[in-house]
Amino acid sequence: MSLPPCPKCNSEYIYQDQELLICPECAYEWNPSETPEDDSPTAKDANGTQLQDGDKITFIKDLKVKGSSQVLKIGTKATIRRIVEGKDHQLDCKVDGAGEMMITAAFVKKA
């Protein structure tokens, strides 16, 4: 019988203990008959496209950097490091030429 990989770390070394499946690498336990709850935060770009960690994005308007005189121009590229739960800034990004910063998802589009 083939067991599915671990949903947390994608390890293939899974074993079964009664009705639970257990990953020995990250110690995650789950019941395969239950549907997994996906409580990770989500964000959509200006066009309504769902964004994920690792996506490449571009700015759709000029954005002033808070606390600086720097302006991020239209078309500046960035990479999403992670999506966070937040009212103002949902995307933790690495922006080309500007470094790490938080960006609002409404001002970007998926590249």
C-alpha atoms as a PDB file:
ATOM      1  CA  MET A   1       0.000   0.000   0.000  1.00  0.00           C
ATOM      2  CA  SER A   2       1.404   3.362  -1.034  1.00  0.00           C
ATOM      3  CA  LEU A   3       1.089   6.183   1.487  1.00  0.00           C
ATOM      4  CA  PRO A   4       0.815   9.852   0.465  1.00  0.00           C
ATOM      5  CA  PRO A   5       3.714  12.217   1.193  1.00  0.00           C
ATOM      6  CA  CYS A   6       3.651  14.424   4.278  1.00  0.00           C
ATOM      7  CA  PRO A   7       1.521  17.559   3.693  1.00  0.00           C
ATOM      8  CA  LYS A   8       3.898  19.712   5.785  1.00  0.00           C
ATOM      9  CA  CYS A   9       7.391  18.715   4.579  1.00  0.00           C
ATOM     10  CA  ASN A  10       6.638  16.427   1.568  1.00  0.00           C
ATOM     11  CA  SER A  11       8.661  13.596   3.063  1.00  0.00           C
ATOM     12  CA  GLU A  12       8.093  10.176   1.531  1.00  0.00           C
ATOM     13  CA  TYR A  13       8.947   8.323   4.770  1.00  0.00           C
ATOM     14  CA  ILE A  14       5.452   8.009   6.222  1.00  0.00           C
ATOM     15  CA  TYR A  15       4.142   5.285   8.485  1.00  0.00           C
ATOM     16  CA  GLN A  16       0.693   4.438   9.769  1.00  0.00           C
ATOM     17  CA  ASP A  17      -0.305   4.151  13.442  1.00  0.00           C
ATOM     18  CA  GLN A  18      -3.886   2.876  13.614  1.00  0.00           C
ATOM     19  CA  GLU A  19      -5.943   5.496  11.695  1.00  0.00           C
ATOM     20  CA  LEU A  20      -3.256   8.231  11.722  1.00  0.00           C
ATOM     21  CA  LEU A  21      -0.382   8.766   9.319  1.00  0.00           C
ATOM     22  CA  ILE A  22       2.862  10.036  10.887  1.00  0.00           C
ATOM     23  CA  CYS A  23       5.885  11.729   9.389  1.00  0.00           C
ATOM     24  CA  PRO A  24       9.099  10.850  11.259  1.00  0.00           C
ATOM     25  CA  GLU A  25      10.989  13.839   9.802  1.00  0.00           C
ATOM     26  CA  CYS A  26       8.730  16.685  10.994  1.00  0.00           C
ATOM     27  CA  ALA A  27       6.567  14.749  13.518  1.00  0.00           C
ATOM     28  CA  TYR A  28       3.336  15.810  11.789  1.00  0.00           C
ATOM     29  CA  GLU A  29       0.332  13.532  12.361  1.00  0.00           C
ATOM     30  CA  TRP A  30      -2.839  13.556  10.282  1.00  0.00           C
ATOM     31  CA  ASN A  31      -5.880  11.463   9.493  1.00  0.00           C
ATOM     32  CA  PRO A  32      -6.013  10.792   5.729  1.00  0.00           C
ATOM     33  CA  SER A  33      -9.825  10.384   5.788  1.00  0.00           C
ATOM     34  CA  GLU A  34     -10.299  13.970   7.054  1.00  0.00           C
ATOM     35  CA  THR A  35     -10.041  16.899   4.671  1.00  0.00           C
ATOM     36  CA  PRO A  36      -7.054  19.088   5.483  1.00  0.00           C
ATOM     37  CA  GLU A  37      -7.797  22.616   6.663  1.00  0.00           C
ATOM     38  CA  ASP A  38      -5.922  25.179   4.609  1.00  0.00           C
ATOM     39  CA  ASP A  39      -5.678  28.167   6.904  1.00  0.00           C
ATOM     40  CA  SER A  40      -2.777  29.816   5.106  1.00  0.00           C
ATOM     41  CA  PRO A  41      -3.361  33.460   4.139  1.00  0.00           C
ATOM     42  CA  THR A  42      -4.241  34.264   0.543  1.00  0.00           C
ATOM     43  CA  ALA A  43      -3.879  37.347  -1.638  1.00  0.00           C
ATOM     44  CA  LYS A  44      -5.062  38.414  -5.093  1.00  0.00           C
ATOM     45  CA  ASP A  45      -3.315  40.840  -7.404  1.00  0.00           C
ATOM     46  CA  ALA A  46      -4.943  43.831  -9.141  1.00  0.00           C
ATOM     47  CA  ASN A  47      -6.326  41.543 -11.877  1.00  0.00           C
ATOM     48  CA  GLY A  48      -7.821  39.057  -9.399  1.00  0.00           C
ATOM     49  CA  THR A  49      -5.173  36.365  -9.954  1.00  0.00           C
ATOM     50  CA  GLN A  50      -4.374  34.275  -6.886  1.00  0.00           C
ATOM     51  CA  LEU A  51      -0.800  34.902  -5.666  1.00  0.00           C
ATOM     52  CA  GLN A  52       1.450  32.297  -4.027  1.00  0.00           C
ATOM     53  CA  ASP A  53       4.814  32.242  -2.299  1.00  0.00           C
ATOM     54  CA  GLY A  54       7.624  32.426  -4.864  1.00  0.00           C
ATOM     55  CA  ASP A  55       5.593  34.175  -7.585  1.00  0.00           C
ATOM     56  CA  LYS A  56       7.214  36.918  -9.644  1.00  0.00           C
ATOM     57  CA  ILE A  57       5.259  40.184  -9.629  1.00  0.00           C
ATOM     58  CA  THR A  58       5.510  43.665 -11.188  1.00  0.00           C
ATOM     59  CA  PHE A  59       4.188  46.991  -9.899  1.00  0.00           C
ATOM     60  CA  ILE A  60       1.227  48.540 -11.723  1.00  0.00           C
ATOM     61  CA  LYS A  61       1.785  52.071 -10.385  1.00  0.00           C
ATOM     62  CA  ASP A  62       4.535  54.211  -8.878  1.00  0.00           C
ATOM     63  CA  LEU A  63       4.803  53.608  -5.122  1.00  0.00           C
ATOM     64  CA  LYS A  64       6.535  55.842  -2.593  1.00  0.00           C
ATOM     65  CA  VAL A  65       8.612  53.997  -0.004  1.00  0.00           C
ATOM     66  CA  LYS A  66       7.427  55.007   3.453  1.00  0.00           C
ATOM     67  CA  GLY A  67      10.121  56.817   5.435  1.00  0.00           C
ATOM     68  CA  SER A  68      12.300  57.378   2.364  1.00  0.00           C
ATOM     69  CA  SER A  69      12.483  59.610  -0.680  1.00  0.00           C
ATOM     70  CA  GLN A  70      12.741  56.525  -2.911  1.00  0.00           C
ATOM     71  CA  VAL A  71       9.979  55.758  -5.440  1.00  0.00           C
ATOM     72  CA  LEU A  72       9.372  52.315  -6.919  1.00  0.00           C
ATOM     73  CA  LYS A  73       8.444  52.805 -10.590  1.00  0.00           C
ATOM     74  CA  ILE A  74       5.827  51.036 -12.683  1.00  0.00           C
ATOM     75  CA  GLY A  75       7.166  47.712 -13.952  1.00  0.00           C
ATOM     76  CA  THR A  76       9.605  47.165 -11.082  1.00  0.00           C
ATOM     77  CA  LYS A  77       9.935  43.431 -10.527  1.00  0.00           C
ATOM     78  CA  ALA A  78       9.758  41.628  -7.180  1.00  0.00           C
ATOM     79  CA  THR A  79       9.555  38.089  -5.818  1.00  0.00           C
ATOM     80  CA  ILE A  80       7.016  37.127  -3.150  1.00  0.00           C
ATOM     81  CA  ARG A  81       8.793  35.534  -0.191  1.00  0.00           C
ATOM     82  CA  ARG A  82       5.601  34.885   1.766  1.00  0.00           C
ATOM     83  CA  ILE A  83       2.001  36.001   2.031  1.00  0.00           C
ATOM     84  CA  VAL A  84       0.995  37.352   5.423  1.00  0.00           C
ATOM     85  CA  GLU A  85      -2.325  38.110   7.041  1.00  0.00           C
ATOM     86  CA  GLY A  86      -2.727  41.855   7.188  1.00  0.00           C
ATOM     87  CA  LYS A  87      -4.997  44.749   6.447  1.00  0.00           C
ATOM     88  CA  ASP A  88      -2.478  47.026   4.778  1.00  0.00           C
ATOM     89  CA  HIS A  89       0.374  44.926   3.396  1.00  0.00           C
ATOM     90  CA  GLN A  90      -0.165  41.287   2.429  1.00  0.00           C
ATOM     91  CA  LEU A  91       3.051  40.509   0.542  1.00  0.00           C
ATOM     92  CA  ASP A  92       6.532  40.159   2.031  1.00  0.00           C
ATOM     93  CA  CYS A  93       8.694  40.689  -1.059  1.00  0.00           C
ATOM     94  CA  LYS A  94      12.248  41.041  -2.267  1.00  0.00           C
ATOM     95  CA  VAL A  95      12.142  44.013  -4.638  1.00  0.00           C
ATOM     96  CA  ASP A  96      14.813  44.330  -7.336  1.00  0.00           C
ATOM     97  CA  GLY A  97      17.082  47.253  -6.464  1.00  0.00           C
ATOM     98  CA  ALA A  98      15.289  48.096  -3.196  1.00  0.00           C
ATOM     99  CA  GLY A  99      15.628  45.026  -0.950  1.00  0.00           C
ATOM    100  CA  GLU A 100      13.050  43.521   1.404  1.00  0.00           C
ATOM    101  CA  MET A 101       9.705  45.250   1.965  1.00  0.00           C
ATOM    102  CA  MET A 102       6.002  44.703   2.524  1.00  0.00           C
ATOM    103  CA  ILE A 103       3.709  45.464  -0.432  1.00  0.00           C
ATOM    104  CA  THR A 104      -0.072  45.755  -0.803  1.00  0.00           C
ATOM    105  CA  ALA A 105      -1.380  43.116  -3.223  1.00  0.00           C
ATOM    106  CA  ALA A 106      -3.708  45.583  -4.986  1.00  0.00           C
ATOM    107  CA  PHE A 107      -0.712  47.448  -6.461  1.00  0.00           C
ATOM    108  CA  VAL A 108       0.921  44.487  -8.216  1.00  0.00           C
ATOM    109  CA  LYS A 109       0.201  41.995 -10.960  1.00  0.00           C
ATOM    110  CA  LYS A 110       1.595  38.533 -11.534  1.00  0.00           C
ATOM    111  CA  ALA A 111       4.447  38.566 -14.036  1.00  0.00           C
END
